[in-house]
């Protein structure tokens, strides 16, 4: 189970997330679940993830790569969290990226699912 938390306090916001991943009863490791996308002085977005680690890593890689290229380029990137005008548009960027990753990776991932009776 993953835990992500956002708390509004008088001085701002507090974000927290666990970092435990579990690949079995005797295999526990850690992975970052809280990711920050920032344009100094303009926006500070925190994405807290849960679920399939490979999907999360693909999403963060895509959003980070696009955000980095958006910083270097003057043109607007459709998949950058640094360009949308509002939070709904940011949520759409994440949703579109997840759907694209799912379209590309669902079949390969399904071949590795272990079904136990």
C-alpha atoms as a PDB file:
ATOM      1  CA  UNK A   1       0.000   0.000   0.000  1.00  0.00           C
ATOM      2  CA  UNK A   2       1.243   3.486  -0.875  1.00  0.00           C
ATOM      3  CA  UNK A   3       0.692   6.585   1.181  1.00  0.00           C
ATOM      4  CA  UNK A   4       0.597  10.118  -0.176  1.00  0.00           C
ATOM      5  CA  UNK A   5      -0.390  13.160   1.810  1.00  0.00           C
ATOM      6  CA  UNK A   6      -0.954  16.845   1.174  1.00  0.00           C
ATOM      7  CA  UNK A   7      -1.706  19.199   4.073  1.00  0.00           C
ATOM      8  CA  UNK A   8      -2.633  22.882   3.823  1.00  0.00           C
ATOM      9  CA  UNK A   9      -1.216  24.878   6.711  1.00  0.00           C
ATOM     10  CA  UNK A  10      -1.194  28.626   7.403  1.00  0.00           C
ATOM     11  CA  UNK A  11       2.300  29.036   5.916  1.00  0.00           C
ATOM     12  CA  UNK A  12       1.705  26.939   2.789  1.00  0.00           C
ATOM     13  CA  UNK A  13       1.531  23.247   1.920  1.00  0.00           C
ATOM     14  CA  UNK A  14       3.183  20.106   3.258  1.00  0.00           C
ATOM     15  CA  UNK A  15       3.606  17.041   1.032  1.00  0.00           C
ATOM     16  CA  UNK A  16       4.697  13.573   2.155  1.00  0.00           C
ATOM     17  CA  UNK A  17       4.840  10.098   0.642  1.00  0.00           C
ATOM     18  CA  UNK A  18       6.238   6.761   1.662  1.00  0.00           C
ATOM     19  CA  UNK A  19       8.998   5.185  -0.453  1.00  0.00           C
ATOM     20  CA  UNK A  20       8.454   1.483   0.167  1.00  0.00           C
ATOM     21  CA  UNK A  21       7.957  -0.889  -2.752  1.00  0.00           C
ATOM     22  CA  UNK A  22       7.182  -4.547  -2.334  1.00  0.00           C
ATOM     23  CA  UNK A  23       7.993  -7.165  -4.946  1.00  0.00           C
ATOM     24  CA  UNK A  24       7.104 -10.101  -2.743  1.00  0.00           C
ATOM     25  CA  UNK A  25       6.918 -11.272   0.826  1.00  0.00           C
ATOM     26  CA  UNK A  26      10.684 -11.202   1.282  1.00  0.00           C
ATOM     27  CA  UNK A  27      11.728  -8.512  -1.206  1.00  0.00           C
ATOM     28  CA  UNK A  28      11.167  -4.951  -0.060  1.00  0.00           C
ATOM     29  CA  UNK A  29      12.981  -1.965  -1.557  1.00  0.00           C
ATOM     30  CA  UNK A  30      12.569   1.794  -1.844  1.00  0.00           C
ATOM     31  CA  UNK A  31      11.617   4.081  -4.709  1.00  0.00           C
ATOM     32  CA  UNK A  32      10.742   7.756  -4.827  1.00  0.00           C
ATOM     33  CA  UNK A  33       6.986   8.310  -5.050  1.00  0.00           C
ATOM     34  CA  UNK A  34       6.927  12.099  -4.801  1.00  0.00           C
ATOM     35  CA  UNK A  35       8.074  14.079  -7.847  1.00  0.00           C
ATOM     36  CA  UNK A  36       8.355  17.874  -8.154  1.00  0.00           C
ATOM     37  CA  UNK A  37       7.908  19.938 -11.314  1.00  0.00           C
ATOM     38  CA  UNK A  38       8.795  23.571 -10.750  1.00  0.00           C
ATOM     39  CA  UNK A  39       9.102  26.809 -12.638  1.00  0.00           C
ATOM     40  CA  UNK A  40      10.585  29.140 -10.036  1.00  0.00           C
ATOM     41  CA  UNK A  41       8.271  31.976  -9.109  1.00  0.00           C
ATOM     42  CA  UNK A  42       5.428  30.633 -11.249  1.00  0.00           C
ATOM     43  CA  UNK A  43       4.429  27.087 -10.309  1.00  0.00           C
ATOM     44  CA  UNK A  44       5.310  24.211  -8.046  1.00  0.00           C
ATOM     45  CA  UNK A  45       3.574  20.914  -8.861  1.00  0.00           C
ATOM     46  CA  UNK A  46       3.942  17.789  -6.743  1.00  0.00           C
ATOM     47  CA  UNK A  47       2.984  14.438  -8.259  1.00  0.00           C
ATOM     48  CA  UNK A  48       2.630  11.582  -5.768  1.00  0.00           C
ATOM     49  CA  UNK A  49       2.473   8.177  -7.423  1.00  0.00           C
ATOM     50  CA  UNK A  50       1.200   4.716  -6.516  1.00  0.00           C
ATOM     51  CA  UNK A  51       0.747   1.478  -8.429  1.00  0.00           C
ATOM     52  CA  UNK A  52       2.896  -0.218 -11.038  1.00  0.00           C
ATOM     53  CA  UNK A  53       6.478   0.992 -10.623  1.00  0.00           C
ATOM     54  CA  UNK A  54       7.427   0.572 -14.302  1.00  0.00           C
ATOM     55  CA  UNK A  55       4.421   2.654 -15.411  1.00  0.00           C
ATOM     56  CA  UNK A  56       5.293   5.306 -12.823  1.00  0.00           C
ATOM     57  CA  UNK A  57       8.914   5.402 -13.984  1.00  0.00           C
ATOM     58  CA  UNK A  58       7.838   5.676 -17.638  1.00  0.00           C
ATOM     59  CA  UNK A  59       5.450   8.532 -16.765  1.00  0.00           C
ATOM     60  CA  UNK A  60       8.014  10.446 -14.717  1.00  0.00           C
ATOM     61  CA  UNK A  61      10.650   9.965 -17.418  1.00  0.00           C
ATOM     62  CA  UNK A  62       8.268  11.276 -20.069  1.00  0.00           C
ATOM     63  CA  UNK A  63       7.133  14.270 -17.991  1.00  0.00           C
ATOM     64  CA  UNK A  64      10.687  15.102 -16.905  1.00  0.00           C
ATOM     65  CA  UNK A  65      12.081  14.798 -20.429  1.00  0.00           C
ATOM     66  CA  UNK A  66       9.314  16.975 -21.823  1.00  0.00           C
ATOM     67  CA  UNK A  67       9.662  19.495 -18.993  1.00  0.00           C
ATOM     68  CA  UNK A  68      13.422  19.700 -19.539  1.00  0.00           C
ATOM     69  CA  UNK A  69      12.957  20.216 -23.273  1.00  0.00           C
ATOM     70  CA  UNK A  70      10.281  22.834 -22.572  1.00  0.00           C
ATOM     71  CA  UNK A  71      12.789  24.746 -20.427  1.00  0.00           C
ATOM     72  CA  UNK A  72      15.296  24.706 -23.298  1.00  0.00           C
ATOM     73  CA  UNK A  73      12.773  25.533 -25.997  1.00  0.00           C
ATOM     74  CA  UNK A  74      10.485  28.517 -26.466  1.00  0.00           C
ATOM     75  CA  UNK A  75       7.791  26.413 -28.157  1.00  0.00           C
ATOM     76  CA  UNK A  76       4.971  24.896 -26.103  1.00  0.00           C
ATOM     77  CA  UNK A  77       5.177  21.176 -25.416  1.00  0.00           C
ATOM     78  CA  UNK A  78       1.859  19.326 -25.254  1.00  0.00           C
ATOM     79  CA  UNK A  79       3.248  16.983 -22.600  1.00  0.00           C
ATOM     80  CA  UNK A  80       5.007  19.460 -20.323  1.00  0.00           C
ATOM     81  CA  UNK A  81       3.652  20.233 -16.868  1.00  0.00           C
ATOM     82  CA  UNK A  82       5.379  23.604 -17.063  1.00  0.00           C
ATOM     83  CA  UNK A  83       3.148  25.086 -19.779  1.00  0.00           C
ATOM     84  CA  UNK A  84      -0.588  24.544 -19.018  1.00  0.00           C
ATOM     85  CA  UNK A  85      -2.617  27.518 -17.806  1.00  0.00           C
ATOM     86  CA  UNK A  86      -4.470  25.678 -14.998  1.00  0.00           C
ATOM     87  CA  UNK A  87      -4.518  22.514 -12.872  1.00  0.00           C
ATOM     88  CA  UNK A  88      -7.150  20.823 -15.038  1.00  0.00           C
ATOM     89  CA  UNK A  89      -4.846  21.138 -18.045  1.00  0.00           C
ATOM     90  CA  UNK A  90      -1.969  19.693 -15.974  1.00  0.00           C
ATOM     91  CA  UNK A  91      -4.172  16.736 -15.025  1.00  0.00           C
ATOM     92  CA  UNK A  92      -4.972  16.256 -18.717  1.00  0.00           C
ATOM     93  CA  UNK A  93      -1.240  16.172 -19.546  1.00  0.00           C
ATOM     94  CA  UNK A  94      -0.711  13.399 -16.979  1.00  0.00           C
ATOM     95  CA  UNK A  95      -3.813  11.504 -18.145  1.00  0.00           C
ATOM     96  CA  UNK A  96      -2.829  11.654 -21.822  1.00  0.00           C
ATOM     97  CA  UNK A  97       0.708  10.505 -21.030  1.00  0.00           C
ATOM     98  CA  UNK A  98      -0.608   7.582 -18.956  1.00  0.00           C
ATOM     99  CA  UNK A  99      -2.986   6.505 -21.733  1.00  0.00           C
ATOM    100  CA  UNK A 100      -0.174   6.613 -24.278  1.00  0.00           C
ATOM    101  CA  UNK A 101       2.106   4.564 -22.014  1.00  0.00           C
ATOM    102  CA  UNK A 102      -0.721   2.061 -21.450  1.00  0.00           C
ATOM    103  CA  UNK A 103      -1.315   1.740 -25.213  1.00  0.00           C
ATOM    104  CA  UNK A 104       2.392   1.057 -25.780  1.00  0.00           C
ATOM    105  CA  UNK A 105       3.096  -1.156 -22.783  1.00  0.00           C
ATOM    106  CA  UNK A 106      -0.108  -3.066 -21.915  1.00  0.00           C
ATOM    107  CA  UNK A 107       0.557  -6.064 -24.168  1.00  0.00           C
ATOM    108  CA  UNK A 108       4.228  -6.524 -23.181  1.00  0.00           C
ATOM    109  CA  UNK A 109       3.364  -6.174 -19.478  1.00  0.00           C
ATOM    110  CA  UNK A 110       0.461  -8.628 -19.772  1.00  0.00           C
ATOM    111  CA  UNK A 111       2.861 -11.345 -20.960  1.00  0.00           C
ATOM    112  CA  UNK A 112       4.589 -11.183 -17.569  1.00  0.00           C
ATOM    113  CA  UNK A 113       1.538 -11.299 -15.309  1.00  0.00           C
ATOM    114  CA  UNK A 114       1.547 -14.342 -13.051  1.00  0.00           C
ATOM    115  CA  UNK A 115      -1.920 -15.691 -12.349  1.00  0.00           C
ATOM    116  CA  UNK A 116      -2.135 -17.852  -9.242  1.00  0.00           C
ATOM    117  CA  UNK A 117      -5.104 -20.105  -8.524  1.00  0.00           C
END
